[in-house]
């Protein structure tokens, strides 16, 4: 079989595509072999002897599958994470998730009369200062300080 690498290279330049996209008619390779100038290549392109293959598109099937898995909560383990925990859940959102239940608990205790408004205000200010990690921590603190009776199960 003839070496058509020079013709393929010239055709790629004329067609403005990569050499892998150059198609030559397999039935008429002897005619392609005779093309030794760019003008000959242009003529062969005009006659349909040489063409540029269409570009390959990107398949979306893999991407759709991965997106479906992520939507169902998968692919989110430590190996898939980049950046700090803060990059995924920002400080403000984490703070809101902590402070809202604590404040709700304080309001419920005050409404039920288990603590006085003065004690409520004291613990509200402490909660705002970031003293308590959770409702449970708040209650343990109040019990230890004697502001709340221990619950009996």
N, C-alpha and C. Protein backbone atom coordinates (compact mmCIF):
# COMPACT_ATOMS: atom_id res chain seq x y z
N UNK A 1 0.84 -1.19 0.00
CA UNK A 1 0.00 0.00 0.00
C UNK A 1 0.88 1.25 0.00
N UNK A 2 0.45 2.25 -0.70
CA UNK A 2 1.24 3.47 -0.85
C UNK A 2 1.26 4.29 0.43
N UNK A 3 2.33 5.03 0.63
CA UNK A 3 2.44 5.92 1.78
C UNK A 3 1.79 7.25 1.43
N UNK A 4 0.66 7.54 2.07
CA UNK A 4 -0.10 8.76 1.75
C UNK A 4 0.01 9.80 2.87
N UNK A 5 1.04 9.68 3.71
CA UNK A 5 1.14 10.58 4.86
C UNK A 5 1.33 12.03 4.43
N UNK A 6 2.07 12.25 3.33
CA UNK A 6 2.28 13.62 2.85
C UNK A 6 0.96 14.21 2.34
N UNK A 7 0.20 13.40 1.59
CA UNK A 7 -1.10 13.86 1.08
C UNK A 7 -2.07 14.13 2.24
N UNK A 8 -2.01 13.26 3.25
CA UNK A 8 -2.89 13.42 4.42
C UNK A 8 -2.54 14.71 5.16
N UNK A 9 -1.24 14.98 5.31
CA UNK A 9 -0.79 16.19 6.00
C UNK A 9 -1.25 17.45 5.26
N UNK A 10 -1.04 17.46 3.93
CA UNK A 10 -1.44 18.62 3.13
C UNK A 10 -2.96 18.81 3.14
N UNK A 11 -3.68 17.70 3.04
CA UNK A 11 -5.15 17.77 3.05
C UNK A 11 -5.65 18.33 4.38
N UNK A 12 -5.01 17.93 5.49
CA UNK A 12 -5.39 18.43 6.82
C UNK A 12 -5.20 19.93 6.89
N UNK A 13 -4.09 20.41 6.31
CA UNK A 13 -3.85 21.86 6.32
C UNK A 13 -4.86 22.61 5.46
N UNK A 14 -5.15 22.05 4.27
CA UNK A 14 -6.11 22.70 3.37
C UNK A 14 -7.52 22.69 3.97
N UNK A 15 -7.89 21.55 4.58
CA UNK A 15 -9.24 21.41 5.17
C UNK A 15 -9.34 22.06 6.55
N UNK A 16 -8.19 22.50 7.09
CA UNK A 16 -8.14 23.10 8.44
C UNK A 16 -8.72 22.15 9.50
N UNK A 17 -8.23 20.93 9.48
CA UNK A 17 -8.64 19.94 10.48
C UNK A 17 -7.43 19.08 10.83
N UNK A 18 -7.60 18.17 11.76
CA UNK A 18 -6.50 17.28 12.13
C UNK A 18 -6.33 16.18 11.10
N UNK A 19 -5.15 15.56 11.10
CA UNK A 19 -4.88 14.50 10.12
C UNK A 19 -5.78 13.29 10.33
N UNK A 20 -6.22 13.06 11.55
CA UNK A 20 -7.10 11.92 11.82
C UNK A 20 -8.49 12.10 11.23
N UNK A 21 -8.86 13.34 10.93
CA UNK A 21 -10.19 13.59 10.37
C UNK A 21 -10.20 13.57 8.84
N UNK A 22 -9.04 13.41 8.22
CA UNK A 22 -8.97 13.39 6.74
C UNK A 22 -9.43 12.01 6.25
N UNK A 23 -10.43 12.02 5.37
CA UNK A 23 -10.94 10.78 4.77
C UNK A 23 -10.55 10.75 3.31
N UNK A 24 -9.99 9.62 2.87
CA UNK A 24 -9.63 9.44 1.46
C UNK A 24 -10.42 8.26 0.93
N UNK A 25 -10.97 8.40 -0.26
CA UNK A 25 -11.77 7.33 -0.86
C UNK A 25 -10.91 6.08 -1.02
N UNK A 26 -11.25 4.99 -0.32
CA UNK A 26 -10.40 3.79 -0.37
C UNK A 26 -10.38 3.13 -1.74
N UNK A 27 -11.40 3.39 -2.56
CA UNK A 27 -11.44 2.76 -3.89
C UNK A 27 -10.54 3.48 -4.89
N UNK A 28 -10.16 4.71 -4.57
CA UNK A 28 -9.40 5.51 -5.55
C UNK A 28 -8.10 6.06 -4.93
N UNK A 29 -7.44 5.24 -4.13
CA UNK A 29 -6.20 5.67 -3.47
C UNK A 29 -5.07 5.93 -4.46
N UNK A 30 -5.10 5.24 -5.61
CA UNK A 30 -4.06 5.47 -6.61
C UNK A 30 -4.13 6.90 -7.16
N UNK A 31 -5.36 7.44 -7.26
CA UNK A 31 -5.52 8.84 -7.71
C UNK A 31 -5.00 9.80 -6.64
N UNK A 32 -5.27 9.47 -5.37
CA UNK A 32 -4.81 10.32 -4.26
C UNK A 32 -3.28 10.33 -4.23
N UNK A 33 -2.70 9.18 -4.54
CA UNK A 33 -1.24 9.06 -4.53
C UNK A 33 -0.59 10.00 -5.56
N UNK A 34 -1.30 10.27 -6.65
CA UNK A 34 -0.78 11.15 -7.70
C UNK A 34 -0.85 12.64 -7.30
N UNK A 35 -1.61 12.98 -6.26
CA UNK A 35 -1.72 14.37 -5.80
C UNK A 35 -0.44 14.72 -5.05
N UNK A 36 0.40 15.56 -5.67
CA UNK A 36 1.68 15.88 -5.01
C UNK A 36 1.80 17.36 -4.65
N UNK A 37 0.85 18.19 -5.09
CA UNK A 37 0.88 19.60 -4.72
C UNK A 37 -0.41 19.95 -4.00
N UNK A 38 -0.38 21.11 -3.35
CA UNK A 38 -1.59 21.57 -2.67
C UNK A 38 -2.73 21.80 -3.66
N UNK A 39 -2.39 22.28 -4.84
CA UNK A 39 -3.40 22.50 -5.88
C UNK A 39 -4.07 21.17 -6.24
N UNK A 40 -3.26 20.10 -6.34
CA UNK A 40 -3.82 18.76 -6.63
C UNK A 40 -4.76 18.33 -5.50
N UNK A 41 -4.35 18.62 -4.27
CA UNK A 41 -5.17 18.25 -3.09
C UNK A 41 -6.50 19.01 -3.14
N UNK A 42 -6.44 20.32 -3.46
CA UNK A 42 -7.66 21.13 -3.56
C UNK A 42 -8.61 20.56 -4.61
N UNK A 43 -8.06 20.14 -5.72
CA UNK A 43 -8.87 19.54 -6.80
C UNK A 43 -9.51 18.24 -6.31
N UNK A 44 -8.74 17.42 -5.60
CA UNK A 44 -9.26 16.15 -5.07
C UNK A 44 -10.37 16.40 -4.06
N UNK A 45 -10.23 17.46 -3.28
CA UNK A 45 -11.26 17.82 -2.30
C UNK A 45 -12.53 18.25 -3.03
N UNK A 46 -12.37 19.06 -4.07
CA UNK A 46 -13.52 19.54 -4.85
C UNK A 46 -14.26 18.38 -5.51
N UNK A 47 -13.51 17.36 -5.95
CA UNK A 47 -14.15 16.22 -6.63
C UNK A 47 -14.71 15.19 -5.66
N UNK A 48 -14.48 15.38 -4.34
CA UNK A 48 -15.01 14.45 -3.33
C UNK A 48 -14.11 13.27 -3.05
N UNK A 49 -12.91 13.30 -3.62
CA UNK A 49 -11.95 12.22 -3.40
C UNK A 49 -11.41 12.25 -1.97
N UNK A 50 -11.25 13.46 -1.44
CA UNK A 50 -10.78 13.67 -0.07
C UNK A 50 -11.83 14.53 0.65
N UNK A 51 -12.16 14.14 1.88
CA UNK A 51 -13.14 14.89 2.68
C UNK A 51 -12.66 14.97 4.13
N UNK A 52 -13.28 15.89 4.88
CA UNK A 52 -13.02 15.95 6.32
C UNK A 52 -14.16 15.22 7.03
N UNK A 53 -13.81 14.26 7.88
CA UNK A 53 -14.83 13.55 8.65
C UNK A 53 -15.46 14.51 9.66
N UNK A 54 -16.73 14.29 10.03
CA UNK A 54 -17.35 15.19 11.01
C UNK A 54 -16.69 15.05 12.38
N UNK A 55 -16.76 16.13 13.14
CA UNK A 55 -16.18 16.11 14.50
C UNK A 55 -17.00 15.18 15.37
N UNK A 56 -16.30 14.50 16.27
CA UNK A 56 -16.99 13.65 17.24
C UNK A 56 -17.58 14.53 18.33
N UNK A 57 -18.84 14.31 18.67
CA UNK A 57 -19.45 15.04 19.77
C UNK A 57 -19.08 14.39 21.09
N UNK A 58 -19.38 15.05 22.18
CA UNK A 58 -19.14 14.49 23.50
C UNK A 58 -20.39 13.78 23.97
N UNK A 59 -20.26 12.53 24.36
CA UNK A 59 -21.41 11.76 24.84
C UNK A 59 -21.81 12.26 26.23
N UNK A 60 -23.11 12.47 26.41
CA UNK A 60 -23.60 12.98 27.69
C UNK A 60 -24.09 11.85 28.60
N UNK A 61 -24.09 10.62 28.09
CA UNK A 61 -24.65 9.52 28.88
C UNK A 61 -23.94 9.34 30.21
N UNK A 62 -22.60 9.38 30.19
CA UNK A 62 -21.82 9.20 31.41
C UNK A 62 -22.10 10.31 32.41
N UNK A 63 -22.20 11.54 31.87
CA UNK A 63 -22.44 12.71 32.71
C UNK A 63 -23.82 12.63 33.35
N UNK A 64 -24.81 12.22 32.56
CA UNK A 64 -26.18 12.09 33.09
C UNK A 64 -26.25 11.04 34.19
N UNK A 65 -25.54 9.92 33.99
CA UNK A 65 -25.52 8.86 34.99
C UNK A 65 -24.93 9.36 36.30
N UNK A 66 -23.80 10.07 36.19
CA UNK A 66 -23.13 10.60 37.38
C UNK A 66 -24.01 11.63 38.07
N UNK A 67 -24.69 12.48 37.29
CA UNK A 67 -25.58 13.50 37.86
C UNK A 67 -26.72 12.84 38.61
N UNK A 68 -27.25 11.76 38.06
CA UNK A 68 -28.33 11.01 38.72
C UNK A 68 -27.88 10.44 40.04
N UNK A 69 -26.65 9.91 40.07
CA UNK A 69 -26.13 9.35 41.31
C UNK A 69 -25.92 10.44 42.36
N UNK A 70 -25.39 11.59 41.92
CA UNK A 70 -25.18 12.69 42.86
C UNK A 70 -26.50 13.19 43.42
N UNK A 71 -27.53 13.22 42.57
CA UNK A 71 -28.86 13.68 43.01
C UNK A 71 -29.41 12.77 44.09
N UNK A 72 -29.04 11.47 44.03
CA UNK A 72 -29.54 10.54 45.05
C UNK A 72 -28.58 10.44 46.24
N UNK A 73 -27.63 11.38 46.33
CA UNK A 73 -26.78 11.48 47.52
C UNK A 73 -25.50 10.68 47.48
N UNK A 74 -25.17 10.09 46.33
CA UNK A 74 -23.94 9.31 46.24
C UNK A 74 -22.79 10.18 45.72
N UNK A 75 -21.59 9.61 45.70
CA UNK A 75 -20.38 10.28 45.20
C UNK A 75 -20.04 11.54 46.00
N UNK A 76 -20.31 11.51 47.30
CA UNK A 76 -20.05 12.69 48.09
C UNK A 76 -19.14 12.39 49.28
N UNK A 77 -18.46 11.25 49.20
CA UNK A 77 -17.58 10.84 50.30
C UNK A 77 -16.32 11.68 50.38
N UNK A 78 -15.47 11.38 51.37
CA UNK A 78 -14.26 12.19 51.57
C UNK A 78 -13.32 12.21 50.36
N UNK A 79 -13.33 11.14 49.57
CA UNK A 79 -12.46 11.10 48.40
C UNK A 79 -12.88 12.02 47.28
N UNK A 80 -14.15 12.45 47.30
CA UNK A 80 -14.67 13.33 46.24
C UNK A 80 -14.64 14.80 46.64
N UNK A 81 -14.27 15.08 47.88
CA UNK A 81 -14.34 16.46 48.37
C UNK A 81 -13.05 17.20 48.14
N UNK A 82 -13.19 18.43 47.72
CA UNK A 82 -12.02 19.31 47.59
C UNK A 82 -12.29 20.53 48.45
N UNK A 83 -11.29 21.05 49.08
CA UNK A 83 -11.47 22.22 49.92
C UNK A 83 -11.90 21.84 51.33
N UNK A 84 -12.04 22.85 52.16
CA UNK A 84 -12.38 22.64 53.56
C UNK A 84 -13.87 22.37 53.71
N UNK A 85 -14.28 21.97 54.90
CA UNK A 85 -15.69 21.77 55.18
C UNK A 85 -16.43 23.09 54.99
N UNK A 86 -15.74 24.18 55.27
CA UNK A 86 -16.30 25.52 55.10
C UNK A 86 -16.66 25.82 53.66
N UNK A 87 -15.92 25.22 52.74
CA UNK A 87 -16.19 25.47 51.33
C UNK A 87 -17.50 24.83 50.91
N UNK A 88 -17.93 23.80 51.65
CA UNK A 88 -19.16 23.09 51.32
C UNK A 88 -20.35 23.62 52.12
N UNK A 89 -20.13 23.95 53.39
CA UNK A 89 -21.17 24.58 54.23
C UNK A 89 -20.52 25.78 54.87
N UNK A 90 -20.98 26.95 54.55
CA UNK A 90 -20.29 28.14 55.06
C UNK A 90 -20.58 28.37 56.54
N UNK A 91 -19.72 29.18 57.15
CA UNK A 91 -19.78 29.43 58.59
C UNK A 91 -21.15 29.89 59.05
N UNK A 92 -21.73 30.82 58.29
CA UNK A 92 -23.02 31.41 58.70
C UNK A 92 -24.11 30.34 58.76
N UNK A 93 -24.15 29.46 57.75
CA UNK A 93 -25.18 28.42 57.74
C UNK A 93 -24.99 27.45 58.90
N UNK A 94 -23.73 27.12 59.20
CA UNK A 94 -23.46 26.21 60.31
C UNK A 94 -23.89 26.86 61.63
N UNK A 95 -23.61 28.15 61.77
CA UNK A 95 -24.00 28.89 62.97
C UNK A 95 -25.52 28.92 63.11
N UNK A 96 -26.22 29.19 62.02
CA UNK A 96 -27.68 29.24 62.06
C UNK A 96 -28.26 27.89 62.49
N UNK A 97 -27.66 26.80 61.97
CA UNK A 97 -28.13 25.46 62.32
C UNK A 97 -27.90 25.16 63.80
N UNK A 98 -26.94 25.81 64.41
CA UNK A 98 -26.65 25.61 65.84
C UNK A 98 -27.53 26.51 66.71
N UNK A 99 -27.59 27.79 66.37
CA UNK A 99 -28.24 28.77 67.26
C UNK A 99 -29.77 28.69 67.26
N UNK A 100 -30.37 28.37 66.14
CA UNK A 100 -31.84 28.37 66.07
C UNK A 100 -32.48 27.36 67.01
N UNK A 101 -32.01 26.11 67.07
CA UNK A 101 -32.61 25.17 68.03
C UNK A 101 -32.38 25.59 69.48
N UNK A 102 -31.21 26.19 69.76
CA UNK A 102 -30.91 26.62 71.13
C UNK A 102 -31.87 27.73 71.55
N UNK A 103 -32.07 28.69 70.65
CA UNK A 103 -32.99 29.80 70.97
C UNK A 103 -34.42 29.29 71.10
N UNK A 104 -34.79 28.33 70.25
CA UNK A 104 -36.14 27.76 70.33
C UNK A 104 -36.34 27.06 71.68
N UNK A 105 -35.31 26.35 72.13
CA UNK A 105 -35.37 25.65 73.42
C UNK A 105 -35.51 26.65 74.56
N UNK A 106 -34.74 27.73 74.50
CA UNK A 106 -34.82 28.76 75.54
C UNK A 106 -36.23 29.37 75.59
N UNK A 107 -36.79 29.66 74.43
CA UNK A 107 -38.14 30.24 74.38
C UNK A 107 -39.17 29.27 74.94
N UNK A 108 -39.01 27.98 74.62
CA UNK A 108 -39.95 26.97 75.12
C UNK A 108 -39.86 26.87 76.65
N UNK A 109 -38.64 26.88 77.18
CA UNK A 109 -38.46 26.80 78.64
C UNK A 109 -39.06 28.02 79.33
N UNK A 110 -38.90 29.19 78.74
CA UNK A 110 -39.46 30.42 79.32
C UNK A 110 -40.99 30.39 79.25
N UNK A 111 -41.53 29.93 78.12
CA UNK A 111 -42.99 29.87 77.95
C UNK A 111 -43.63 28.89 78.93
N UNK A 112 -42.93 27.78 79.21
CA UNK A 112 -43.46 26.77 80.14
C UNK A 112 -43.25 27.17 81.60
N UNK A 113 -42.53 28.26 81.81
CA UNK A 113 -42.30 28.74 83.17
C UNK A 113 -41.19 27.99 83.89
N UNK A 114 -40.40 27.21 83.16
CA UNK A 114 -39.32 26.45 83.80
C UNK A 114 -38.14 27.34 84.15
N UNK A 115 -38.00 28.47 83.44
CA UNK A 115 -36.96 29.44 83.77
C UNK A 115 -37.58 30.83 83.80
N UNK A 116 -36.97 31.70 84.57
CA UNK A 116 -37.47 33.08 84.66
C UNK A 116 -36.95 33.90 83.47
N UNK A 117 -37.60 35.02 83.18
CA UNK A 117 -37.11 35.87 82.09
C UNK A 117 -35.66 36.33 82.29
N UNK A 118 -35.25 36.53 83.56
CA UNK A 118 -33.87 36.95 83.84
C UNK A 118 -32.88 35.84 83.46
N UNK A 119 -33.23 34.60 83.80
CA UNK A 119 -32.37 33.46 83.46
C UNK A 119 -32.37 33.26 81.94
N UNK A 120 -33.55 33.43 81.34
CA UNK A 120 -33.66 33.34 79.87
C UNK A 120 -32.69 34.31 79.21
N UNK A 121 -32.71 35.57 79.69
CA UNK A 121 -31.87 36.61 79.08
C UNK A 121 -30.38 36.26 79.27
N UNK A 122 -30.03 35.76 80.47
CA UNK A 122 -28.65 35.37 80.74
C UNK A 122 -28.16 34.29 79.75
N UNK A 123 -28.98 33.25 79.59
CA UNK A 123 -28.60 32.15 78.71
C UNK A 123 -28.71 32.52 77.23
N UNK A 124 -29.61 33.43 76.91
CA UNK A 124 -29.73 33.92 75.52
C UNK A 124 -28.42 34.60 75.11
N UNK A 125 -27.90 35.44 76.03
CA UNK A 125 -26.64 36.16 75.75
C UNK A 125 -25.47 35.18 75.64
N UNK A 126 -25.48 34.15 76.51
CA UNK A 126 -24.40 33.14 76.45
C UNK A 126 -24.46 32.37 75.13
N UNK A 127 -25.69 32.04 74.71
CA UNK A 127 -25.86 31.32 73.44
C UNK A 127 -25.34 32.17 72.29
N UNK A 128 -25.64 33.46 72.35
CA UNK A 128 -25.17 34.37 71.29
C UNK A 128 -23.66 34.42 71.27
N UNK A 129 -23.04 34.26 72.42
CA UNK A 129 -21.58 34.27 72.52
C UNK A 129 -20.93 32.96 72.09
N UNK A 130 -21.76 31.95 71.76
CA UNK A 130 -21.22 30.69 71.26
C UNK A 130 -20.80 29.72 72.34
N UNK A 131 -21.39 29.86 73.55
CA UNK A 131 -21.01 28.98 74.66
C UNK A 131 -21.52 27.56 74.46
N UNK A 132 -22.72 27.41 73.88
CA UNK A 132 -23.36 26.09 73.78
C UNK A 132 -23.28 25.51 72.37
N UNK A 133 -23.02 24.19 72.33
CA UNK A 133 -22.90 23.50 71.04
C UNK A 133 -24.25 22.99 70.56
N UNK A 134 -25.16 22.70 71.51
CA UNK A 134 -26.44 22.08 71.15
C UNK A 134 -27.46 22.31 72.26
N UNK A 135 -28.70 21.89 72.00
CA UNK A 135 -29.76 21.97 73.03
C UNK A 135 -29.35 21.18 74.26
N UNK A 136 -28.80 20.01 74.01
CA UNK A 136 -28.42 19.13 75.11
C UNK A 136 -27.36 19.79 75.98
N UNK A 137 -26.39 20.41 75.33
CA UNK A 137 -25.31 21.09 76.05
C UNK A 137 -25.88 22.23 76.89
N UNK A 138 -26.84 22.97 76.31
CA UNK A 138 -27.51 24.07 77.02
C UNK A 138 -28.20 23.54 78.28
N UNK A 139 -28.98 22.45 78.12
CA UNK A 139 -29.72 21.90 79.27
C UNK A 139 -28.77 21.40 80.36
N UNK A 140 -27.69 20.72 79.95
CA UNK A 140 -26.71 20.23 80.93
C UNK A 140 -26.11 21.39 81.72
N UNK A 141 -25.85 22.48 81.02
CA UNK A 141 -25.28 23.67 81.65
C UNK A 141 -26.26 24.25 82.66
N UNK A 142 -27.54 24.32 82.28
CA UNK A 142 -28.57 24.89 83.17
C UNK A 142 -28.78 24.02 84.40
N UNK A 143 -28.76 22.70 84.19
CA UNK A 143 -28.93 21.77 85.32
C UNK A 143 -27.75 21.89 86.29
N UNK A 144 -26.54 21.97 85.73
CA UNK A 144 -25.34 22.09 86.56
C UNK A 144 -25.34 23.39 87.36
N UNK A 145 -25.91 24.46 86.77
CA UNK A 145 -25.96 25.76 87.44
C UNK A 145 -27.14 25.86 88.41
N UNK A 146 -28.03 24.88 88.35
CA UNK A 146 -29.19 24.87 89.25
C UNK A 146 -30.35 25.71 88.75
N UNK A 147 -30.36 26.08 87.51
CA UNK A 147 -31.47 26.87 86.95
C UNK A 147 -32.58 26.00 86.39
N UNK A 148 -32.32 24.69 86.30
CA UNK A 148 -33.30 23.77 85.68
C UNK A 148 -33.24 22.45 86.42
N UNK A 149 -34.44 21.86 86.66
CA UNK A 149 -34.48 20.55 87.32
C UNK A 149 -34.19 19.46 86.29
N UNK A 150 -33.54 18.40 86.76
CA UNK A 150 -33.19 17.28 85.87
C UNK A 150 -34.46 16.55 85.48
N UNK A 151 -34.55 16.17 84.17
CA UNK A 151 -35.73 15.46 83.69
C UNK A 151 -35.67 14.01 84.12
N UNK A 152 -36.84 13.47 84.51
CA UNK A 152 -36.91 12.07 84.92
C UNK A 152 -37.53 11.28 83.79
N UNK A 153 -36.87 10.17 83.41
CA UNK A 153 -37.38 9.35 82.30
C UNK A 153 -38.22 8.22 82.79
